[in-house]
């Protein structure tokens, strides 16, 4: 059996999991809510979270944001997923076969 590949930036899985916390999943397609979705070092959400955290904060886990909510939405008959974090990050998966990416939302500026 092969060992797990290293996490982005050689992050520590236990420290990353502690920083991540857990997500509440809100699925509007089947009207369900569940909690307790935790860090999975092989999972695509956790891997993208780790990649973004290492890029933004290095291995200072005290600065890594905690997970909040994971929304699974029906967008014109297709699945749209959004994961929110305590620092206003939004990981978005716009389609089933698309990867997770960080979305930055601009603030509206009054003219």
PDB file of N, CA and C in Angstrom:
ATOM      1  N   UNK A   1       0.840  -1.178   0.000  1.00  0.00           N
ATOM      2  CA  UNK A   1       0.000   0.000   0.000  1.00  0.00           C
ATOM      3  C   UNK A   1       0.893   1.251   0.000  1.00  0.00           C
ATOM      4  N   UNK A   2       0.595   2.162  -0.876  1.00  0.00           N
ATOM      5  CA  UNK A   2       1.352   3.393  -0.991  1.00  0.00           C
ATOM      6  C   UNK A   2       0.982   4.353   0.135  1.00  0.00           C
ATOM      7  N   UNK A   3       1.954   5.107   0.663  1.00  0.00           N
ATOM      8  CA  UNK A   3       1.613   6.125   1.668  1.00  0.00           C
ATOM      9  C   UNK A   3       0.847   7.270   1.011  1.00  0.00           C
ATOM     10  N   UNK A   4       0.083   7.986   1.813  1.00  0.00           N
ATOM     11  CA  UNK A   4      -0.653   9.140   1.293  1.00  0.00           C
ATOM     12  C   UNK A   4       0.340  10.174   0.772  1.00  0.00           C
ATOM     13  N   UNK A   5       0.011  10.829  -0.336  1.00  0.00           N
ATOM     14  CA  UNK A   5       0.901  11.895  -0.815  1.00  0.00           C
ATOM     15  C   UNK A   5       0.885  13.055   0.172  1.00  0.00           C
ATOM     16  N   UNK A   6       1.973  13.839   0.196  1.00  0.00           N
ATOM     17  CA  UNK A   6       1.991  14.969   1.131  1.00  0.00           C
ATOM     18  C   UNK A   6       0.918  15.997   0.778  1.00  0.00           C
ATOM     19  N   UNK A   7       0.452  16.695   1.789  1.00  0.00           N
ATOM     20  CA  UNK A   7      -0.511  17.768   1.580  1.00  0.00           C
ATOM     21  C   UNK A   7       0.199  18.972   0.960  1.00  0.00           C
ATOM     22  N   UNK A   8      -0.550  19.864   0.329  1.00  0.00           N
ATOM     23  CA  UNK A   8       0.068  21.079  -0.210  1.00  0.00           C
ATOM     24  C   UNK A   8       0.910  21.782   0.852  1.00  0.00           C
ATOM     25  N   UNK A   9       2.113  22.213   0.474  1.00  0.00           N
ATOM     26  CA  UNK A   9       2.998  22.909   1.397  1.00  0.00           C
ATOM     27  C   UNK A   9       3.509  22.038   2.525  1.00  0.00           C
ATOM     28  N   UNK A  10       3.342  20.711   2.394  1.00  0.00           N
ATOM     29  CA  UNK A  10       3.703  19.759   3.462  1.00  0.00           C
ATOM     30  C   UNK A  10       2.987  20.070   4.764  1.00  0.00           C
ATOM     31  N   UNK A  11       1.747  20.528   4.650  1.00  0.00           N
ATOM     32  CA  UNK A  11       0.940  20.838   5.831  1.00  0.00           C
ATOM     33  C   UNK A  11       0.720  19.578   6.667  1.00  0.00           C
ATOM     34  N   UNK A  12       0.525  19.758   7.939  1.00  0.00           N
ATOM     35  CA  UNK A  12       0.242  18.683   8.879  1.00  0.00           C
ATOM     36  C   UNK A  12      -1.267  18.413   8.872  1.00  0.00           C
ATOM     37  N   UNK A  13      -1.664  17.186   8.567  1.00  0.00           N
ATOM     38  CA  UNK A  13      -3.090  16.851   8.445  1.00  0.00           C
ATOM     39  C   UNK A  13      -3.855  17.086   9.743  1.00  0.00           C
ATOM     40  N   UNK A  14      -3.260  16.765  10.876  1.00  0.00           N
ATOM     41  CA  UNK A  14      -3.964  16.950  12.158  1.00  0.00           C
ATOM     42  C   UNK A  14      -4.167  18.423  12.480  1.00  0.00           C
ATOM     43  N   UNK A  15      -3.148  19.250  12.214  1.00  0.00           N
ATOM     44  CA  UNK A  15      -3.280  20.685  12.477  1.00  0.00           C
ATOM     45  C   UNK A  15      -4.250  21.327  11.490  1.00  0.00           C
ATOM     46  N   UNK A  16      -4.217  20.875  10.245  1.00  0.00           N
ATOM     47  CA  UNK A  16      -5.154  21.391   9.245  1.00  0.00           C
ATOM     48  C   UNK A  16      -6.587  21.024   9.624  1.00  0.00           C
ATOM     49  N   UNK A  17      -6.781  19.803  10.095  1.00  0.00           N
ATOM     50  CA  UNK A  17      -8.122  19.356  10.498  1.00  0.00           C
ATOM     51  C   UNK A  17      -8.644  20.175  11.672  1.00  0.00           C
ATOM     52  N   UNK A  18      -7.766  20.469  12.627  1.00  0.00           N
ATOM     53  CA  UNK A  18      -8.174  21.276  13.780  1.00  0.00           C
ATOM     54  C   UNK A  18      -8.568  22.682  13.338  1.00  0.00           C
ATOM     55  N   UNK A  19      -7.810  23.253  12.407  1.00  0.00           N
ATOM     56  CA  UNK A  19      -8.137  24.594  11.906  1.00  0.00           C
ATOM     57  C   UNK A  19      -9.435  24.582  11.120  1.00  0.00           C
ATOM     58  N   UNK A  20      -9.645  23.560  10.315  1.00  0.00           N
ATOM     59  CA  UNK A  20     -10.818  23.446   9.448  1.00  0.00           C
ATOM     60  C   UNK A  20     -12.112  23.317  10.247  1.00  0.00           C
ATOM     61  N   UNK A  21     -12.085  22.524  11.295  1.00  0.00           N
ATOM     62  CA  UNK A  21     -13.309  22.292  12.068  1.00  0.00           C
ATOM     63  C   UNK A  21     -14.252  21.374  11.306  1.00  0.00           C
ATOM     64  N   UNK A  22     -15.522  21.766  11.211  1.00  0.00           N
ATOM     65  CA  UNK A  22     -16.490  20.952  10.476  1.00  0.00           C
ATOM     66  C   UNK A  22     -17.490  21.850   9.752  1.00  0.00           C
ATOM     67  N   UNK A  23     -18.095  21.263   8.748  1.00  0.00           N
ATOM     68  CA  UNK A  23     -19.062  21.986   7.927  1.00  0.00           C
ATOM     69  C   UNK A  23     -20.475  21.513   8.207  1.00  0.00           C
ATOM     70  N   UNK A  24     -21.401  22.431   8.075  1.00  0.00           N
ATOM     71  CA  UNK A  24     -22.825  22.094   8.048  1.00  0.00           C
ATOM     72  C   UNK A  24     -23.196  22.055   6.568  1.00  0.00           C
ATOM     73  N   UNK A  25     -23.748  20.940   6.090  1.00  0.00           N
ATOM     74  CA  UNK A  25     -24.104  20.811   4.681  1.00  0.00           C
ATOM     75  C   UNK A  25     -25.593  21.068   4.505  1.00  0.00           C
ATOM     76  N   UNK A  26     -25.906  22.039   3.636  1.00  0.00           N
ATOM     77  CA  UNK A  26     -27.282  22.411   3.330  1.00  0.00           C
ATOM     78  C   UNK A  26     -27.525  22.021   1.872  1.00  0.00           C
ATOM     79  N   UNK A  27     -28.347  21.019   1.669  1.00  0.00           N
ATOM     80  CA  UNK A  27     -28.629  20.519   0.326  1.00  0.00           C
ATOM     81  C   UNK A  27     -30.038  20.951  -0.065  1.00  0.00           C
ATOM     82  N   UNK A  28     -30.139  21.934  -0.950  1.00  0.00           N
ATOM     83  CA  UNK A  28     -31.454  22.433  -1.354  1.00  0.00           C
ATOM     84  C   UNK A  28     -32.105  21.535  -2.399  1.00  0.00           C
ATOM     85  N   UNK A  29     -31.341  20.606  -2.966  1.00  0.00           N
ATOM     86  CA  UNK A  29     -31.907  19.702  -3.972  1.00  0.00           C
ATOM     87  C   UNK A  29     -32.837  18.693  -3.308  1.00  0.00           C
ATOM     88  N   UNK A  30     -32.431  18.162  -2.161  1.00  0.00           N
ATOM     89  CA  UNK A  30     -33.301  17.201  -1.470  1.00  0.00           C
ATOM     90  C   UNK A  30     -33.737  17.709  -0.091  1.00  0.00           C
ATOM     91  N   UNK A  31     -33.626  19.017   0.129  1.00  0.00           N
ATOM     92  CA  UNK A  31     -34.076  19.654   1.371  1.00  0.00           C
ATOM     93  C   UNK A  31     -33.538  18.969   2.627  1.00  0.00           C
ATOM     94  N   UNK A  32     -32.219  18.768   2.671  1.00  0.00           N
ATOM     95  CA  UNK A  32     -31.634  18.153   3.856  1.00  0.00           C
ATOM     96  C   UNK A  32     -30.531  19.040   4.420  1.00  0.00           C
ATOM     97  N   UNK A  33     -30.325  18.907   5.723  1.00  0.00           N
ATOM     98  CA  UNK A  33     -29.250  19.616   6.408  1.00  0.00           C
ATOM     99  C   UNK A  33     -28.538  18.583   7.274  1.00  0.00           C
ATOM    100  N   UNK A  34     -27.219  18.554   7.172  1.00  0.00           N
ATOM    101  CA  UNK A  34     -26.442  17.647   8.014  1.00  0.00           C
ATOM    102  C   UNK A  34     -25.202  18.379   8.501  1.00  0.00           C
ATOM    103  N   UNK A  35     -24.675  17.932   9.621  1.00  0.00           N
ATOM    104  CA  UNK A  35     -23.496  18.590  10.180  1.00  0.00           C
ATOM    105  C   UNK A  35     -22.415  17.550  10.436  1.00  0.00           C
ATOM    106  N   UNK A  36     -21.244  18.047  10.782  1.00  0.00           N
ATOM    107  CA  UNK A  36     -20.159  17.149  11.138  1.00  0.00           C
ATOM    108  C   UNK A  36     -19.275  16.730   9.982  1.00  0.00           C
ATOM    109  N   UNK A  37     -19.337  17.423   8.857  1.00  0.00           N
ATOM    110  CA  UNK A  37     -18.468  17.106   7.730  1.00  0.00           C
ATOM    111  C   UNK A  37     -17.087  17.674   8.042  1.00  0.00           C
ATOM    112  N   UNK A  38     -16.131  16.800   8.309  1.00  0.00           N
ATOM    113  CA  UNK A  38     -14.816  17.215   8.784  1.00  0.00           C
ATOM    114  C   UNK A  38     -13.757  17.114   7.695  1.00  0.00           C
ATOM    115  N   UNK A  39     -12.568  17.562   8.034  1.00  0.00           N
ATOM    116  CA  UNK A  39     -11.426  17.580   7.131  1.00  0.00           C
ATOM    117  C   UNK A  39     -11.077  16.165   6.672  1.00  0.00           C
ATOM    118  N   UNK A  40     -10.886  16.008   5.376  1.00  0.00           N
ATOM    119  CA  UNK A  40     -10.469  14.737   4.789  1.00  0.00           C
ATOM    120  C   UNK A  40      -9.225  15.023   3.952  1.00  0.00           C
ATOM    121  N   UNK A  41      -8.038  14.585   4.384  1.00  0.00           N
ATOM    122  CA  UNK A  41      -6.811  14.941   3.678  1.00  0.00           C
ATOM    123  C   UNK A  41      -6.755  14.460   2.229  1.00  0.00           C
ATOM    124  N   UNK A  42      -7.668  13.586   1.833  1.00  0.00           N
ATOM    125  CA  UNK A  42      -7.728  13.127   0.440  1.00  0.00           C
ATOM    126  C   UNK A  42      -8.900  13.758  -0.309  1.00  0.00           C
ATOM    127  N   UNK A  43      -9.749  14.494   0.394  1.00  0.00           N
ATOM    128  CA  UNK A  43     -10.946  15.060  -0.217  1.00  0.00           C
ATOM    129  C   UNK A  43     -10.659  16.344  -0.969  1.00  0.00           C
ATOM    130  N   UNK A  44     -11.390  16.605  -2.040  1.00  0.00           N
ATOM    131  CA  UNK A  44     -11.124  17.792  -2.859  1.00  0.00           C
ATOM    132  C   UNK A  44     -11.370  19.120  -2.137  1.00  0.00           C
ATOM    133  N   UNK A  45     -12.361  19.201  -1.270  1.00  0.00           N
ATOM    134  CA  UNK A  45     -12.592  20.444  -0.521  1.00  0.00           C
ATOM    135  C   UNK A  45     -11.415  20.689   0.419  1.00  0.00           C
ATOM    136  N   UNK A  46     -11.018  19.680   1.156  1.00  0.00           N
ATOM    137  CA  UNK A  46      -9.922  19.822   2.111  1.00  0.00           C
ATOM    138  C   UNK A  46      -8.606  20.129   1.410  1.00  0.00           C
ATOM    139  N   UNK A  47      -8.356  19.501   0.281  1.00  0.00           N
ATOM    140  CA  UNK A  47      -7.114  19.766  -0.450  1.00  0.00           C
ATOM    141  C   UNK A  47      -7.062  21.201  -0.972  1.00  0.00           C
ATOM    142  N   UNK A  48      -8.177  21.689  -1.511  1.00  0.00           N
ATOM    143  CA  UNK A  48      -8.182  23.070  -2.006  1.00  0.00           C
ATOM    144  C   UNK A  48      -8.097  24.052  -0.849  1.00  0.00           C
ATOM    145  N   UNK A  49      -8.769  23.761   0.243  1.00  0.00           N
ATOM    146  CA  UNK A  49      -8.672  24.578   1.458  1.00  0.00           C
ATOM    147  C   UNK A  49      -7.212  24.663   1.906  1.00  0.00           C
ATOM    148  N   UNK A  50      -6.541  23.528   1.978  1.00  0.00           N
ATOM    149  CA  UNK A  50      -5.148  23.492   2.411  1.00  0.00           C
ATOM    150  C   UNK A  50      -4.263  24.285   1.460  1.00  0.00           C
ATOM    151  N   UNK A  51      -4.472  24.108   0.171  1.00  0.00           N
ATOM    152  CA  UNK A  51      -3.684  24.832  -0.821  1.00  0.00           C
ATOM    153  C   UNK A  51      -3.840  26.340  -0.652  1.00  0.00           C
ATOM    154  N   UNK A  52      -5.084  26.787  -0.485  1.00  0.00           N
ATOM    155  CA  UNK A  52      -5.350  28.216  -0.318  1.00  0.00           C
ATOM    156  C   UNK A  52      -4.765  28.748   0.985  1.00  0.00           C
ATOM    157  N   UNK A  53      -4.892  27.979   2.059  1.00  0.00           N
ATOM    158  CA  UNK A  53      -4.368  28.415   3.363  1.00  0.00           C
ATOM    159  C   UNK A  53      -2.844  28.526   3.336  1.00  0.00           C
ATOM    160  N   UNK A  54      -2.186  27.534   2.753  1.00  0.00           N
ATOM    161  CA  UNK A  54      -0.725  27.576   2.680  1.00  0.00           C
ATOM    162  C   UNK A  54      -0.284  28.788   1.868  1.00  0.00           C
ATOM    163  N   UNK A  55      -0.976  29.056   0.755  1.00  0.00           N
ATOM    164  CA  UNK A  55      -0.623  30.203  -0.084  1.00  0.00           C
ATOM    165  C   UNK A  55      -0.825  31.526   0.663  1.00  0.00           C
ATOM    166  N   UNK A  56      -1.886  31.614   1.451  1.00  0.00           N
ATOM    167  CA  UNK A  56      -2.216  32.873   2.139  1.00  0.00           C
ATOM    168  C   UNK A  56      -1.506  33.051   3.475  1.00  0.00           C
ATOM    169  N   UNK A  57      -1.348  31.956   4.242  1.00  0.00           N
ATOM    170  CA  UNK A  57      -0.884  32.067   5.622  1.00  0.00           C
ATOM    171  C   UNK A  57       0.331  31.197   5.957  1.00  0.00           C
ATOM    172  N   UNK A  58       0.830  30.454   4.976  1.00  0.00           N
ATOM    173  CA  UNK A  58       1.913  29.523   5.270  1.00  0.00           C
ATOM    174  C   UNK A  58       1.422  28.450   6.224  1.00  0.00           C
ATOM    175  N   UNK A  59       2.286  28.004   7.105  1.00  0.00           N
ATOM    176  CA  UNK A  59       1.909  26.958   8.058  1.00  0.00           C
ATOM    177  C   UNK A  59       1.556  27.527   9.434  1.00  0.00           C
ATOM    178  N   UNK A  60       1.113  28.791   9.465  1.00  0.00           N
ATOM    179  CA  UNK A  60       0.617  29.392  10.703  1.00  0.00           C
ATOM    180  C   UNK A  60      -0.861  29.028  10.832  1.00  0.00           C
ATOM    181  N   UNK A  61      -1.115  27.857  11.392  1.00  0.00           N
ATOM    182  CA  UNK A  61      -2.465  27.302  11.463  1.00  0.00           C
ATOM    183  C   UNK A  61      -3.410  28.174  12.280  1.00  0.00           C
ATOM    184  N   UNK A  62      -2.875  29.032  13.130  1.00  0.00           N
ATOM    185  CA  UNK A  62      -3.736  29.914  13.919  1.00  0.00           C
ATOM    186  C   UNK A  62      -4.450  30.933  13.036  1.00  0.00           C
ATOM    187  N   UNK A  63      -3.934  31.169  11.844  1.00  0.00           N
ATOM    188  CA  UNK A  63      -4.552  32.120  10.923  1.00  0.00           C
ATOM    189  C   UNK A  63      -5.496  31.449   9.931  1.00  0.00           C
ATOM    190  N   UNK A  64      -5.458  30.136   9.853  1.00  0.00           N
ATOM    191  CA  UNK A  64      -6.302  29.436   8.891  1.00  0.00           C
ATOM    192  C   UNK A  64      -7.774  29.595   9.295  1.00  0.00           C
ATOM    193  N   UNK A  65      -8.665  29.889   8.339  1.00  0.00           N
ATOM    194  CA  UNK A  65     -10.082  30.058   8.672  1.00  0.00           C
ATOM    195  C   UNK A  65     -10.753  28.715   8.976  1.00  0.00           C
ATOM    196  N   UNK A  66     -11.844  28.795   9.701  1.00  0.00           N
ATOM    197  CA  UNK A  66     -12.627  27.589   9.978  1.00  0.00           C
ATOM    198  C   UNK A  66     -13.743  27.465   8.940  1.00  0.00           C
ATOM    199  N   UNK A  67     -14.142  26.229   8.720  1.00  0.00           N
ATOM    200  CA  UNK A  67     -15.246  25.971   7.805  1.00  0.00           C
ATOM    201  C   UNK A  67     -16.569  26.349   8.442  1.00  0.00           C
ATOM    202  N   UNK A  68     -17.512  26.764   7.605  1.00  0.00           N
ATOM    203  CA  UNK A  68     -18.836  27.139   8.101  1.00  0.00           C
ATOM    204  C   UNK A  68     -19.913  26.268   7.455  1.00  0.00           C
ATOM    205  N   UNK A  69     -20.272  26.608   6.226  1.00  0.00           N
ATOM    206  CA  UNK A  69     -21.381  25.923   5.554  1.00  0.00           C
ATOM    207  C   UNK A  69     -20.981  25.427   4.168  1.00  0.00           C
ATOM    208  N   UNK A  70     -21.634  24.339   3.760  1.00  0.00           N
ATOM    209  CA  UNK A  70     -21.433  23.739   2.440  1.00  0.00           C
ATOM    210  C   UNK A  70     -22.814  23.687   1.795  1.00  0.00           C
ATOM    211  N   UNK A  71     -23.024  24.554   0.821  1.00  0.00           N
ATOM    212  CA  UNK A  71     -24.316  24.644   0.147  1.00  0.00           C
ATOM    213  C   UNK A  71     -24.293  23.847  -1.148  1.00  0.00           C
ATOM    214  N   UNK A  72     -25.287  22.983  -1.324  1.00  0.00           N
ATOM    215  CA  UNK A  72     -25.477  22.245  -2.563  1.00  0.00           C
ATOM    216  C   UNK A  72     -26.781  22.774  -3.149  1.00  0.00           C
ATOM    217  N   UNK A  73     -26.663  23.484  -4.279  1.00  0.00           N
ATOM    218  CA  UNK A  73     -27.795  24.206  -4.847  1.00  0.00           C
ATOM    219  C   UNK A  73     -28.155  23.684  -6.220  1.00  0.00           C
ATOM    220  N   UNK A  74     -29.408  23.857  -6.593  1.00  0.00           N
ATOM    221  CA  UNK A  74     -29.876  23.533  -7.934  1.00  0.00           C
ATOM    222  C   UNK A  74     -29.844  24.826  -8.742  1.00  0.00           C
ATOM    223  N   UNK A  75     -28.925  24.897  -9.698  1.00  0.00           N
ATOM    224  CA  UNK A  75     -28.753  26.085 -10.519  1.00  0.00           C
ATOM    225  C   UNK A  75     -29.183  25.763 -11.945  1.00  0.00           C
ATOM    226  N   UNK A  76     -30.429  26.085 -12.278  1.00  0.00           N
ATOM    227  CA  UNK A  76     -30.977  25.807 -13.613  1.00  0.00           C
ATOM    228  C   UNK A  76     -30.828  24.339 -13.987  1.00  0.00           C
ATOM    229  N   UNK A  77     -31.118  23.456 -13.034  1.00  0.00           N
ATOM    230  CA  UNK A  77     -31.069  22.026 -13.292  1.00  0.00           C
ATOM    231  C   UNK A  77     -29.699  21.404 -13.117  1.00  0.00           C
ATOM    232  N   UNK A  78     -28.698  22.197 -12.770  1.00  0.00           N
ATOM    233  CA  UNK A  78     -27.349  21.683 -12.553  1.00  0.00           C
ATOM    234  C   UNK A  78     -26.928  21.985 -11.126  1.00  0.00           C
ATOM    235  N   UNK A  79     -26.005  21.191 -10.621  1.00  0.00           N
ATOM    236  CA  UNK A  79     -25.557  21.355  -9.240  1.00  0.00           C
ATOM    237  C   UNK A  79     -24.484  22.430  -9.140  1.00  0.00           C
ATOM    238  N   UNK A  80     -24.666  23.339  -8.211  1.00  0.00           N
ATOM    239  CA  UNK A  80     -23.699  24.372  -7.862  1.00  0.00           C
ATOM    240  C   UNK A  80     -23.405  24.199  -6.377  1.00  0.00           C
ATOM    241  N   UNK A  81     -22.120  24.117  -6.015  1.00  0.00           N
ATOM    242  CA  UNK A  81     -21.750  23.945  -4.615  1.00  0.00           C
ATOM    243  C   UNK A  81     -20.876  25.112  -4.162  1.00  0.00           C
ATOM    244  N   UNK A  82     -21.122  25.567  -2.946  1.00  0.00           N
ATOM    245  CA  UNK A  82     -20.358  26.666  -2.363  1.00  0.00           C
ATOM    246  C   UNK A  82     -20.032  26.296  -0.915  1.00  0.00           C
ATOM    247  N   UNK A  83     -18.765  26.444  -0.539  1.00  0.00           N
ATOM    248  CA  UNK A  83     -18.341  26.217   0.840  1.00  0.00           C
ATOM    249  C   UNK A  83     -17.864  27.551   1.396  1.00  0.00           C
ATOM    250  N   UNK A  84     -18.400  27.938   2.553  1.00  0.00           N
ATOM    251  CA  UNK A  84     -18.042  29.218   3.163  1.00  0.00           C
ATOM    252  C   UNK A  84     -17.095  29.002   4.343  1.00  0.00           C
ATOM    253  N   UNK A  85     -16.247  30.031   4.565  1.00  0.00           N
ATOM    254  CA  UNK A  85     -15.276  29.979   5.652  1.00  0.00           C
ATOM    255  C   UNK A  85     -15.344  31.260   6.474  1.00  0.00           C
ATOM    256  N   UNK A  86     -14.777  31.201   7.678  1.00  0.00           N
ATOM    257  CA  UNK A  86     -14.878  32.303   8.640  1.00  0.00           C
ATOM    258  C   UNK A  86     -14.207  33.594   8.184  1.00  0.00           C
ATOM    259  N   UNK A  87     -13.337  33.533   7.202  1.00  0.00           N
ATOM    260  CA  UNK A  87     -12.667  34.747   6.719  1.00  0.00           C
ATOM    261  C   UNK A  87     -13.295  35.268   5.424  1.00  0.00           C
ATOM    262  N   UNK A  88     -14.515  34.848   5.131  1.00  0.00           N
ATOM    263  CA  UNK A  88     -15.268  35.239   3.938  1.00  0.00           C
ATOM    264  C   UNK A  88     -14.760  34.607   2.650  1.00  0.00           C
ATOM    265  N   UNK A  89     -13.925  33.584   2.734  1.00  0.00           N
ATOM    266  CA  UNK A  89     -13.575  32.819   1.538  1.00  0.00           C
ATOM    267  C   UNK A  89     -14.790  32.037   1.101  1.00  0.00           C
ATOM    268  N   UNK A  90     -14.889  31.816  -0.214  1.00  0.00           N
ATOM    269  CA  UNK A  90     -15.931  30.970  -0.789  1.00  0.00           C
ATOM    270  C   UNK A  90     -15.275  30.037  -1.782  1.00  0.00           C
ATOM    271  N   UNK A  91     -15.263  28.745  -1.484  1.00  0.00           N
ATOM    272  CA  UNK A  91     -14.837  27.760  -2.468  1.00  0.00           C
ATOM    273  C   UNK A  91     -16.072  27.399  -3.277  1.00  0.00           C
ATOM    274  N   UNK A  92     -15.924  27.398  -4.596  1.00  0.00           N
ATOM    275  CA  UNK A  92     -17.072  27.170  -5.473  1.00  0.00           C
ATOM    276  C   UNK A  92     -16.767  26.046  -6.455  1.00  0.00           C
ATOM    277  N   UNK A  93     -17.739  25.160  -6.634  1.00  0.00           N
ATOM    278  CA  UNK A  93     -17.690  24.149  -7.685  1.00  0.00           C
ATOM    279  C   UNK A  93     -18.909  24.417  -8.569  1.00  0.00           C
ATOM    280  N   UNK A  94     -18.686  25.059  -9.734  1.00  0.00           N
ATOM    281  CA  UNK A  94     -19.804  25.481 -10.565  1.00  0.00           C
ATOM    282  C   UNK A  94     -20.490  24.363 -11.350  1.00  0.00           C
ATOM    283  N   UNK A  95     -19.868  23.205 -11.460  1.00  0.00           N
ATOM    284  CA  UNK A  95     -20.459  22.085 -12.188  1.00  0.00           C
ATOM    285  C   UNK A  95     -19.890  20.791 -11.626  1.00  0.00           C
ATOM    286  N   UNK A  96     -20.582  19.690 -11.865  1.00  0.00           N
ATOM    287  CA  UNK A  96     -20.179  18.411 -11.284  1.00  0.00           C
ATOM    288  C   UNK A  96     -18.768  18.001 -11.660  1.00  0.00           C
ATOM    289  N   UNK A  97     -18.341  18.294 -12.863  1.00  0.00           N
ATOM    290  CA  UNK A  97     -17.008  17.864 -13.304  1.00  0.00           C
ATOM    291  C   UNK A  97     -15.967  18.973 -13.221  1.00  0.00           C
ATOM    292  N   UNK A  98     -16.317  20.071 -12.628  1.00  0.00           N
ATOM    293  CA  UNK A  98     -15.362  21.173 -12.434  1.00  0.00           C
ATOM    294  C   UNK A  98     -14.678  20.995 -11.085  1.00  0.00           C
ATOM    295  N   UNK A  99     -13.499  21.539 -10.941  1.00  0.00           N
ATOM    296  CA  UNK A  99     -12.808  21.488  -9.664  1.00  0.00           C
ATOM    297  C   UNK A  99     -13.263  22.614  -8.753  1.00  0.00           C
ATOM    298  N   UNK A 100     -12.841  22.548  -7.506  1.00  0.00           N
ATOM    299  CA  UNK A 100     -13.121  23.598  -6.533  1.00  0.00           C
ATOM    300  C   UNK A 100     -12.163  24.753  -6.760  1.00  0.00           C
ATOM    301  N   UNK A 101     -12.663  25.967  -6.677  1.00  0.00           N
ATOM    302  CA  UNK A 101     -11.799  27.138  -6.801  1.00  0.00           C
ATOM    303  C   UNK A 101     -12.281  28.232  -5.860  1.00  0.00           C
ATOM    304  N   UNK A 102     -11.344  29.078  -5.472  1.00  0.00           N
ATOM    305  CA  UNK A 102     -11.666  30.176  -4.568  1.00  0.00           C
ATOM    306  C   UNK A 102     -12.307  31.298  -5.364  1.00  0.00           C
ATOM    307  N   UNK A 103     -13.456  31.758  -4.908  1.00  0.00           N
ATOM    308  CA  UNK A 103     -14.149  32.886  -5.535  1.00  0.00           C
ATOM    309  C   UNK A 103     -13.986  34.087  -4.637  1.00  0.00           C
ATOM    310  N   UNK A 104     -13.580  35.163  -5.215  1.00  0.00           N
ATOM    311  CA  UNK A 104     -13.468  36.415  -4.481  1.00  0.00           C
ATOM    312  C   UNK A 104     -14.632  37.291  -4.938  1.00  0.00           C
ATOM    313  N   UNK A 105     -15.370  37.798  -3.990  1.00  0.00           N
ATOM    314  CA  UNK A 105     -16.491  38.663  -4.301  1.00  0.00           C
ATOM    315  C   UNK A 105     -16.103  40.098  -3.990  1.00  0.00           C
ATOM    316  N   UNK A 106     -16.278  40.960  -4.944  1.00  0.00           N
ATOM    317  CA  UNK A 106     -15.939  42.375  -4.764  1.00  0.00           C
ATOM    318  C   UNK A 106     -17.047  43.057  -3.989  1.00  0.00           C
ATOM    319  N   UNK A 107     -16.663  44.003  -3.148  1.00  0.00           N
ATOM    320  CA  UNK A 107     -17.643  44.788  -2.425  1.00  0.00           C
ATOM    321  C   UNK A 107     -18.185  45.873  -3.338  1.00  0.00           C
ATOM    322  N   UNK A 108     -19.447  46.154  -3.200  1.00  0.00           N
ATOM    323  CA  UNK A 108     -20.038  47.230  -3.972  1.00  0.00           C
ATOM    324  C   UNK A 108     -19.518  48.570  -3.438  1.00  0.00           C
ATOM    325  N   UNK A 109     -19.130  49.416  -4.330  1.00  0.00           N
ATOM    326  CA  UNK A 109     -18.592  50.722  -3.944  1.00  0.00           C
ATOM    327  C   UNK A 109     -19.561  51.800  -4.428  1.00  0.00           C
ATOM    328  N   UNK A 110     -19.977  52.641  -3.504  1.00  0.00           N
ATOM    329  CA  UNK A 110     -20.902  53.725  -3.882  1.00  0.00           C
ATOM    330  C   UNK A 110     -20.146  54.758  -4.709  1.00  0.00           C
ATOM    331  N   UNK A 111     -20.798  55.254  -5.722  1.00  0.00           N
ATOM    332  CA  UNK A 111     -20.156  56.249  -6.608  1.00  0.00           C
ATOM    333  C   UNK A 111     -20.207  57.619  -5.984  1.00  0.00           C
TER     334      UNK A 111
END
